[in-house]
Amino acid sequence: MAKILSMGRAVVCSLCATVLGLALVATSPQVACGQPAPVVDSTGQALVENHPGGAVIGLLRGDTTAVHGFGAVDSTGRRPTARTVFEIGSVTKTFTGLLLADAIERGEVGRSTSVTTLLPDSVTVGTTDSTTMTLGHLATHRSGLPRLPSNLGATARPGDPYATYGDSALYAFLDDYTLSRAPGAKYEYSNLGMGLLGHLLTRRADTTYAALVRRRITGPLGLSDTRIRLTDAQHSRFAQGHTRAGAPTSPWHFEALAGAGALRSTAADLLAYLRAHRHALEAASGPTLALQRAMRRAATIRAATNRENTRIGLGWHQSARDGHEVLWHNGGTGGFRSFVALDRETGHGVVVLTSTPLSSQVVLKTGRALLRGLQPD
């Protein structure tokens, strides 16, 4: 990919927030967590070349982080920084999987808890045999539910497809749908399934998805910019998203299926999120906090997927890459693309967030290449 025109480099190194008592440390602008800054810069500038919008690359190595910003947040031309807010789309699913793991740690539910026990009595889920659909099936995309509910289009707004899909529409679909195969039989990635999981967990906790995430994950971890509804101050840092055609587009909103993709976040928060997972995985043999145990539970591999080298935990995918096992998830909404990954062997992590008209595959491949560059070999 060609080098970009006269756009200087913006490197934002941070942060002073603490997560589980461990401070983030700034890096030199010349070396980004072990990668030469020019290499990171050329990669990031390719994400914004000839495109409207902006991109940030966040790198984690040990307890050290670096965040590089490229392009523009909005029409003012401001560079994105570690604290620029982006929609993270399906990266939200890792938070939903962690909510399930946390609820299991608390003894509220189990992976084998039946979906129907958490739905209203009037709602049923039709199955092809006697196999019970469980919360574990939802978290590993093996529920038998399709990627999207067939009645989503009946409520969708142009450019904001999930905004008015509420409880009644979800229940109407479930009550009328018969699975084409038994739960657990096959992996099929499902926004509906993960959205339903988030919905059921909020019913069990008698709260909203936004409040549950804040109470059990982002509050304890100090991720103040990871949320659904933004404050006025956060809105001022919210990037302008762009469609694949390059046109500015409005944000997405979620109702019943919030657990599938409703969260917004920043590179700073997501690096802290990855680092908290790394410390939780490293602390497996000693006394740990309940949330750390939940992180280990969520990152424990449960099932195969439809790709030979990729398996899945509770929300997290794990792929074998160059002899390394990598936890990851990507995401996309109408105007944003995202990718987060954590190398289980080295503890290195990568965050890529964009508001440019790129495909999810481009962002995914960029993130994987950056993570490979952090490996000591």
Protein backbone atom coordinates (compact mmCIF):
# COMPACT_ATOMS: atom_id res chain seq x y z
CA MET A 1 0.00 0.00 0.00
CA ALA A 2 1.38 3.34 -1.03
CA LYS A 3 2.57 5.92 1.42
CA ILE A 4 0.15 8.64 2.32
CA LEU A 5 0.44 12.29 1.33
CA SER A 6 1.81 14.94 3.67
CA MET A 7 0.26 13.73 6.88
CA GLY A 8 2.62 13.99 9.80
CA ARG A 9 2.74 11.33 12.41
CA ALA A 10 0.73 11.65 15.58
CA VAL A 11 1.87 9.43 18.40
CA VAL A 12 -0.13 9.48 21.59
CA CYS A 13 1.47 7.51 24.41
CA SER A 14 -0.48 7.02 27.57
CA LEU A 15 -1.82 6.39 30.26
CA CYS A 16 -2.05 6.97 33.94
CA ALA A 17 -5.20 4.95 34.61
CA THR A 18 -4.78 1.75 36.61
CA VAL A 19 -6.40 -1.58 36.00
CA LEU A 20 -6.32 -4.18 38.77
CA GLY A 21 -3.66 -2.02 40.38
CA LEU A 22 -1.28 -2.05 37.39
CA ALA A 23 -0.36 1.25 35.71
CA LEU A 24 -0.02 1.74 31.99
CA VAL A 25 3.37 3.12 30.99
CA ALA A 26 4.15 5.42 28.06
CA THR A 27 6.67 4.43 25.40
CA SER A 28 9.20 6.29 23.34
CA PRO A 29 7.73 7.67 20.10
CA GLN A 30 10.66 6.08 18.24
CA VAL A 31 9.88 2.51 19.24
CA ALA A 32 6.31 1.38 19.74
CA CYS A 33 6.38 -1.58 22.11
CA GLY A 34 9.25 -3.22 20.25
CA GLN A 35 8.24 -2.18 16.74
CA PRO A 36 10.04 0.70 15.01
CA ALA A 37 7.65 3.64 14.86
CA PRO A 38 8.11 4.07 11.08
CA VAL A 39 6.81 0.53 10.55
CA VAL A 40 3.73 1.21 12.63
CA ASP A 41 3.27 4.56 10.95
CA SER A 42 3.37 3.13 7.43
CA THR A 43 0.84 0.50 8.44
CA GLY A 44 -1.49 3.03 10.05
CA GLN A 45 -1.22 5.56 7.27
CA ALA A 46 -2.25 2.88 4.76
CA LEU A 47 -5.52 2.60 6.69
CA VAL A 48 -6.40 6.23 5.97
CA GLU A 49 -4.75 6.82 2.61
CA ASN A 50 -7.23 8.28 0.14
CA HIS A 51 -10.03 7.70 2.66
CA PRO A 52 -12.01 10.03 4.92
CA GLY A 53 -11.93 9.26 8.61
CA GLY A 54 -9.31 8.21 11.09
CA ALA A 55 -7.59 5.20 12.61
CA VAL A 56 -5.72 4.36 15.79
CA ILE A 57 -3.28 1.53 16.41
CA GLY A 58 -2.70 0.47 20.01
CA LEU A 59 0.16 -1.84 20.99
CA LEU A 60 0.69 -3.68 24.26
CA ARG A 61 4.00 -5.25 25.27
CA GLY A 62 4.44 -6.16 28.90
CA ASP A 63 2.87 -3.33 30.85
CA THR A 64 3.92 -0.81 28.21
CA THR A 65 1.53 0.65 25.65
CA ALA A 66 1.75 2.93 22.66
CA VAL A 67 -1.08 4.44 20.64
CA HIS A 68 -0.58 5.98 17.18
CA GLY A 69 -3.27 8.10 15.50
CA PHE A 70 -3.80 8.67 11.77
CA GLY A 71 -6.18 10.64 9.59
CA ALA A 72 -8.90 12.83 11.05
CA VAL A 73 -11.59 12.38 13.69
CA ASP A 74 -14.06 14.61 11.85
CA SER A 75 -14.34 17.56 9.49
CA THR A 76 -12.23 19.70 11.84
CA GLY A 77 -9.16 17.68 10.86
CA ARG A 78 -8.31 16.71 14.45
CA ARG A 79 -6.11 13.62 14.76
CA PRO A 80 -7.53 10.63 16.63
CA THR A 81 -5.82 9.85 19.92
CA ALA A 82 -5.84 7.13 22.56
CA ARG A 83 -9.05 8.68 23.93
CA THR A 84 -10.98 9.06 20.67
CA VAL A 85 -14.22 7.09 20.94
CA PHE A 86 -15.15 4.57 18.23
CA GLU A 87 -17.97 2.08 17.83
CA ILE A 88 -16.41 -1.36 18.41
CA GLY A 89 -19.21 -3.51 16.97
CA SER A 90 -18.77 -7.22 17.60
CA VAL A 91 -15.82 -6.76 19.95
CA THR A 92 -18.77 -6.17 22.31
CA LYS A 93 -19.30 -9.95 22.18
CA THR A 94 -16.18 -10.51 24.30
CA PHE A 95 -17.79 -8.36 27.01
CA THR A 96 -21.00 -10.41 26.73
CA GLY A 97 -19.01 -13.63 27.06
CA LEU A 98 -17.24 -12.19 30.10
CA LEU A 99 -20.60 -11.25 31.62
CA LEU A 100 -21.62 -14.91 31.30
CA ALA A 101 -18.35 -16.08 32.86
CA ASP A 102 -18.82 -13.59 35.70
CA ALA A 103 -22.41 -14.72 36.30
CA ILE A 104 -21.16 -18.32 36.47
CA GLU A 105 -18.51 -17.30 39.02
CA ARG A 106 -21.26 -15.67 41.08
CA GLY A 107 -23.38 -18.82 40.94
CA GLU A 108 -26.23 -17.04 39.16
CA VAL A 109 -26.24 -19.27 36.07
CA GLY A 110 -24.24 -22.07 34.50
CA ARG A 111 -23.10 -22.80 30.97
CA SER A 112 -25.76 -25.52 30.94
CA THR A 113 -28.56 -23.18 32.06
CA SER A 114 -31.45 -23.51 29.62
CA VAL A 115 -32.31 -20.48 27.51
CA THR A 116 -36.02 -21.03 28.10
CA THR A 117 -35.67 -20.74 31.88
CA LEU A 118 -34.58 -17.10 31.48
CA LEU A 119 -37.21 -16.15 28.91
CA PRO A 120 -40.76 -15.11 29.79
CA ASP A 121 -43.05 -18.11 30.27
CA SER A 122 -44.99 -17.14 27.16
CA VAL A 123 -41.94 -17.49 24.88
CA THR A 124 -40.78 -20.84 23.53
CA VAL A 125 -37.89 -21.90 21.30
CA GLY A 126 -38.77 -24.65 18.84
CA THR A 127 -36.15 -27.40 18.46
CA THR A 128 -35.81 -30.32 16.09
CA ASP A 129 -35.25 -32.82 18.91
CA SER A 130 -35.10 -32.88 22.70
CA THR A 131 -31.72 -31.08 22.95
CA THR A 132 -31.91 -28.07 25.24
CA MET A 133 -30.44 -24.77 24.03
CA THR A 134 -28.13 -23.43 26.74
CA LEU A 135 -26.28 -20.24 27.54
CA GLY A 136 -23.07 -22.04 26.61
CA HIS A 137 -24.46 -22.73 23.15
CA LEU A 138 -25.18 -19.02 22.69
CA ALA A 139 -21.71 -17.95 23.85
CA THR A 140 -19.94 -20.35 21.45
CA HIS A 141 -22.19 -19.71 18.43
CA ARG A 142 -23.53 -23.25 18.51
CA SER A 143 -27.15 -22.52 19.40
CA GLY A 144 -28.63 -23.33 16.00
CA LEU A 145 -29.96 -19.78 15.70
CA PRO A 146 -29.29 -17.91 12.44
CA ARG A 147 -26.91 -14.98 12.10
CA LEU A 148 -29.80 -12.49 12.18
CA PRO A 149 -33.52 -12.76 13.00
CA SER A 150 -35.71 -12.83 9.92
CA ASN A 151 -37.95 -10.07 11.30
CA LEU A 152 -35.10 -7.59 11.78
CA GLY A 153 -35.96 -5.90 8.49
CA ALA A 154 -39.49 -5.21 9.64
CA THR A 155 -38.19 -2.83 12.31
CA ALA A 156 -34.90 -1.65 10.79
CA ARG A 157 -34.16 1.99 10.11
CA PRO A 158 -32.01 2.76 7.08
CA GLY A 159 -28.46 3.04 8.34
CA ASP A 160 -29.36 1.99 11.90
CA PRO A 161 -30.63 -1.60 11.63
CA TYR A 162 -30.83 -2.62 15.31
CA ALA A 163 -32.16 0.62 16.79
CA THR A 164 -35.83 -0.36 17.09
CA TYR A 165 -35.46 -4.12 17.44
CA GLY A 166 -36.86 -4.50 20.94
CA ASP A 167 -37.96 -7.26 23.28
CA SER A 168 -41.32 -7.85 21.60
CA ALA A 169 -39.72 -8.37 18.17
CA LEU A 170 -37.12 -10.72 19.65
CA TYR A 171 -39.75 -12.77 21.46
CA ALA A 172 -41.97 -12.91 18.37
CA PHE A 173 -39.09 -14.31 16.33
CA LEU A 174 -38.12 -16.93 18.92
CA ASP A 175 -41.71 -18.02 19.41
CA ASP A 176 -42.20 -18.53 15.68
CA TYR A 177 -38.79 -20.03 14.80
CA THR A 178 -37.93 -23.72 14.67
CA LEU A 179 -34.24 -24.63 14.71
CA SER A 180 -33.01 -26.44 11.61
CA ARG A 181 -30.53 -28.48 13.68
CA ALA A 182 -29.97 -29.42 17.30
CA PRO A 183 -28.12 -26.95 19.57
CA GLY A 184 -24.45 -27.87 19.83
CA ALA A 185 -24.33 -29.62 16.46
CA LYS A 186 -22.52 -26.93 14.48
CA TYR A 187 -20.78 -23.56 14.77
CA GLU A 188 -22.61 -20.71 13.04
CA TYR A 189 -21.64 -17.15 13.91
CA SER A 190 -24.77 -15.44 15.19
CA ASN A 191 -25.37 -11.83 16.13
CA LEU A 192 -28.80 -12.97 17.22
CA GLY A 193 -27.38 -15.62 19.55
CA MET A 194 -24.93 -13.31 21.31
CA GLY A 195 -27.52 -10.55 21.46
CA LEU A 196 -29.93 -13.00 23.05
CA LEU A 197 -27.27 -14.05 25.57
CA GLY A 198 -26.78 -10.43 26.65
CA HIS A 199 -30.54 -10.01 26.88
CA LEU A 200 -30.95 -13.09 29.07
CA LEU A 201 -28.14 -12.08 31.42
CA THR A 202 -29.70 -8.67 31.91
CA ARG A 203 -33.07 -10.31 32.64
CA ARG A 204 -31.36 -12.52 35.23
CA ALA A 205 -29.71 -9.48 36.84
CA ASP A 206 -32.87 -7.33 36.49
CA THR A 207 -31.06 -4.44 34.83
CA THR A 208 -30.03 -3.14 31.41
CA TYR A 209 -27.09 -4.34 29.32
CA ALA A 210 -25.36 -0.97 29.66
CA ALA A 211 -25.73 -1.00 33.44
CA LEU A 212 -24.61 -4.63 33.77
CA VAL A 213 -21.44 -4.04 31.74
CA ARG A 214 -20.66 -0.94 33.78
CA ARG A 215 -21.30 -2.64 37.13
CA ARG A 216 -19.41 -5.86 36.51
CA ILE A 217 -16.68 -5.07 33.95
CA THR A 218 -15.93 -1.49 33.01
CA GLY A 219 -16.45 -0.05 36.51
CA PRO A 220 -14.11 -2.50 38.27
CA LEU A 221 -11.52 -2.20 35.48
CA GLY A 222 -11.70 1.60 35.28
CA LEU A 223 -12.77 1.59 31.61
CA SER A 224 -14.69 4.85 31.83
CA ASP A 225 -14.90 5.39 28.06
CA THR A 226 -16.34 1.94 27.29
CA ARG A 227 -20.08 2.35 27.30
CA ILE A 228 -23.20 2.56 25.15
CA ARG A 229 -24.56 6.01 25.96
CA LEU A 230 -21.91 8.69 25.85
CA THR A 231 -21.66 11.78 28.03
CA ASP A 232 -21.41 15.19 26.39
CA ALA A 233 -17.65 15.15 26.94
CA GLN A 234 -17.34 11.73 25.34
CA HIS A 235 -19.49 12.84 22.39
CA SER A 236 -16.93 15.56 21.75
CA ARG A 237 -14.33 12.78 21.32
CA PHE A 238 -16.55 10.51 19.20
CA ALA A 239 -15.19 9.88 15.71
CA GLN A 240 -17.31 10.45 12.62
CA GLY A 241 -17.95 7.10 10.96
CA HIS A 242 -17.99 6.52 7.20
CA THR A 243 -19.79 4.05 4.96
CA ARG A 244 -17.98 1.79 2.49
CA ALA A 245 -18.74 4.46 -0.12
CA GLY A 246 -16.92 7.06 1.99
CA ALA A 247 -19.99 9.03 3.06
CA PRO A 248 -20.42 10.20 6.68
CA THR A 249 -22.92 8.03 8.52
CA SER A 250 -24.81 8.19 11.79
CA PRO A 251 -23.99 5.98 14.79
CA TRP A 252 -25.70 2.65 15.38
CA HIS A 253 -28.01 2.04 18.33
CA PHE A 254 -29.19 -1.22 19.89
CA GLU A 255 -32.13 -2.36 21.96
CA ALA A 256 -32.78 -6.08 22.64
CA LEU A 257 -29.59 -7.24 20.86
CA ALA A 258 -27.16 -4.87 22.60
CA GLY A 259 -24.92 -7.76 23.60
CA ALA A 260 -24.05 -8.32 19.94
CA GLY A 261 -22.44 -4.96 19.22
CA ALA A 262 -23.62 -1.90 21.13
CA LEU A 263 -20.46 -0.74 22.92
CA ARG A 264 -18.25 2.24 22.07
CA SER A 265 -14.70 2.45 23.37
CA THR A 266 -11.21 3.89 22.94
CA ALA A 267 -7.78 2.46 22.23
CA ALA A 268 -6.75 3.34 25.78
CA ASP A 269 -9.61 1.40 27.33
CA LEU A 270 -9.23 -1.62 25.05
CA LEU A 271 -5.49 -1.86 25.74
CA ALA A 272 -6.32 -1.83 29.46
CA TYR A 273 -8.95 -4.51 28.81
CA LEU A 274 -6.40 -6.71 27.04
CA ARG A 275 -3.81 -6.14 29.74
CA ALA A 276 -6.30 -7.13 32.44
CA HIS A 277 -6.93 -10.39 30.55
CA ARG A 278 -3.19 -11.01 30.26
CA HIS A 279 -2.68 -10.61 33.99
CA ALA A 280 -5.69 -12.83 34.70
CA LEU A 281 -4.24 -15.58 32.50
CA GLU A 282 -0.81 -15.23 34.08
CA ALA A 283 -2.28 -15.45 37.60
CA ALA A 284 -3.94 -18.82 36.99
CA SER A 285 -1.94 -20.63 39.69
CA GLY A 286 -2.39 -18.14 42.52
CA PRO A 287 -5.16 -16.38 44.45
CA THR A 288 -7.06 -14.05 42.15
CA LEU A 289 -10.00 -11.69 42.05
CA ALA A 290 -13.38 -13.01 40.97
CA LEU A 291 -13.28 -10.95 37.77
CA GLN A 292 -9.87 -12.41 36.91
CA ARG A 293 -11.30 -15.91 37.34
CA ALA A 294 -14.14 -14.91 35.05
CA MET A 295 -11.64 -13.70 32.44
CA ARG A 296 -9.86 -17.05 32.55
CA ARG A 297 -13.17 -18.83 32.24
CA ALA A 298 -14.16 -16.70 29.23
CA ALA A 299 -10.79 -17.35 27.57
CA THR A 300 -10.97 -21.12 28.11
CA ILE A 301 -11.52 -22.83 24.77
CA ARG A 302 -14.83 -24.68 24.59
CA ALA A 303 -15.54 -25.73 21.01
CA ALA A 304 -14.43 -25.87 17.40
CA THR A 305 -15.50 -23.35 14.77
CA ASN A 306 -15.88 -23.67 11.02
CA ARG A 307 -12.18 -22.87 10.55
CA GLU A 308 -9.57 -25.55 11.14
CA ASN A 309 -7.13 -23.44 13.17
CA THR A 310 -9.73 -21.44 15.11
CA ARG A 311 -11.64 -22.41 18.24
CA ILE A 312 -13.88 -20.46 20.57
CA GLY A 313 -14.30 -19.75 24.28
CA LEU A 314 -17.09 -17.65 25.76
CA GLY A 315 -17.15 -14.93 23.13
CA TRP A 316 -13.39 -14.96 22.40
CA HIS A 317 -12.04 -16.72 19.32
CA GLN A 318 -8.61 -18.31 19.49
CA SER A 319 -6.47 -19.02 16.44
CA ALA A 320 -3.10 -20.69 16.00
CA ARG A 321 -0.80 -18.22 14.26
CA ASP A 322 2.89 -18.91 13.64
CA GLY A 323 2.98 -21.31 16.58
CA HIS A 324 1.23 -18.82 18.89
CA GLU A 325 -2.29 -19.12 20.30
CA VAL A 326 -4.02 -15.76 19.84
CA LEU A 327 -7.28 -14.63 21.45
CA TRP A 328 -9.06 -12.18 19.18
CA HIS A 329 -12.26 -10.61 17.96
CA ASN A 330 -13.07 -8.15 15.22
CA GLY A 331 -16.08 -5.95 14.70
CA GLY A 332 -17.86 -3.62 12.35
CA THR A 333 -20.84 -1.28 12.29
CA GLY A 334 -22.13 1.02 9.56
CA GLY A 335 -19.24 3.44 9.94
CA PHE A 336 -16.52 1.72 11.99
CA ARG A 337 -14.20 -1.32 12.02
CA SER A 338 -12.35 -2.78 15.01
CA PHE A 339 -9.92 -5.54 15.98
CA VAL A 340 -8.44 -6.65 19.31
CA ALA A 341 -6.02 -9.51 19.90
CA LEU A 342 -3.89 -10.97 22.70
CA ASP A 343 -1.03 -13.43 22.18
CA ARG A 344 -1.39 -15.97 24.98
CA GLU A 345 2.28 -16.95 24.82
CA THR A 346 3.96 -13.55 24.83
CA GLY A 347 1.21 -11.45 26.42
CA HIS A 348 1.50 -8.91 23.61
CA GLY A 349 -1.68 -7.24 22.37
CA VAL A 350 -2.98 -5.13 19.50
CA VAL A 351 -5.96 -2.80 19.07
CA VAL A 352 -6.99 -1.35 15.71
CA LEU A 353 -9.94 1.07 15.47
CA THR A 354 -11.01 2.87 12.30
CA SER A 355 -13.75 5.20 11.10
CA THR A 356 -12.67 4.82 7.46
CA PRO A 357 -14.49 2.99 4.63
CA LEU A 358 -12.43 -0.21 4.90
CA SER A 359 -13.56 -3.82 5.00
CA SER A 360 -13.38 -5.80 8.23
CA GLN A 361 -10.92 -8.17 6.55
CA VAL A 362 -8.44 -5.36 5.88
CA VAL A 363 -8.53 -4.29 9.52
CA LEU A 364 -8.30 -7.89 10.73
CA LYS A 365 -5.26 -8.61 8.55
CA THR A 366 -3.63 -5.36 9.62
CA GLY A 367 -4.07 -6.24 13.29
CA ARG A 368 -2.68 -9.73 12.83
CA ALA A 369 0.36 -8.39 10.99
CA LEU A 370 1.02 -5.89 13.78
CA LEU A 371 0.77 -8.63 16.41
CA ARG A 372 3.24 -10.80 14.50
CA GLY A 373 5.61 -7.83 14.46
CA LEU A 374 5.60 -7.79 18.28
CA GLN A 375 6.84 -11.37 18.53
CA PRO A 376 10.48 -11.65 19.66
CA ASP A 377 11.42 -13.74 16.60
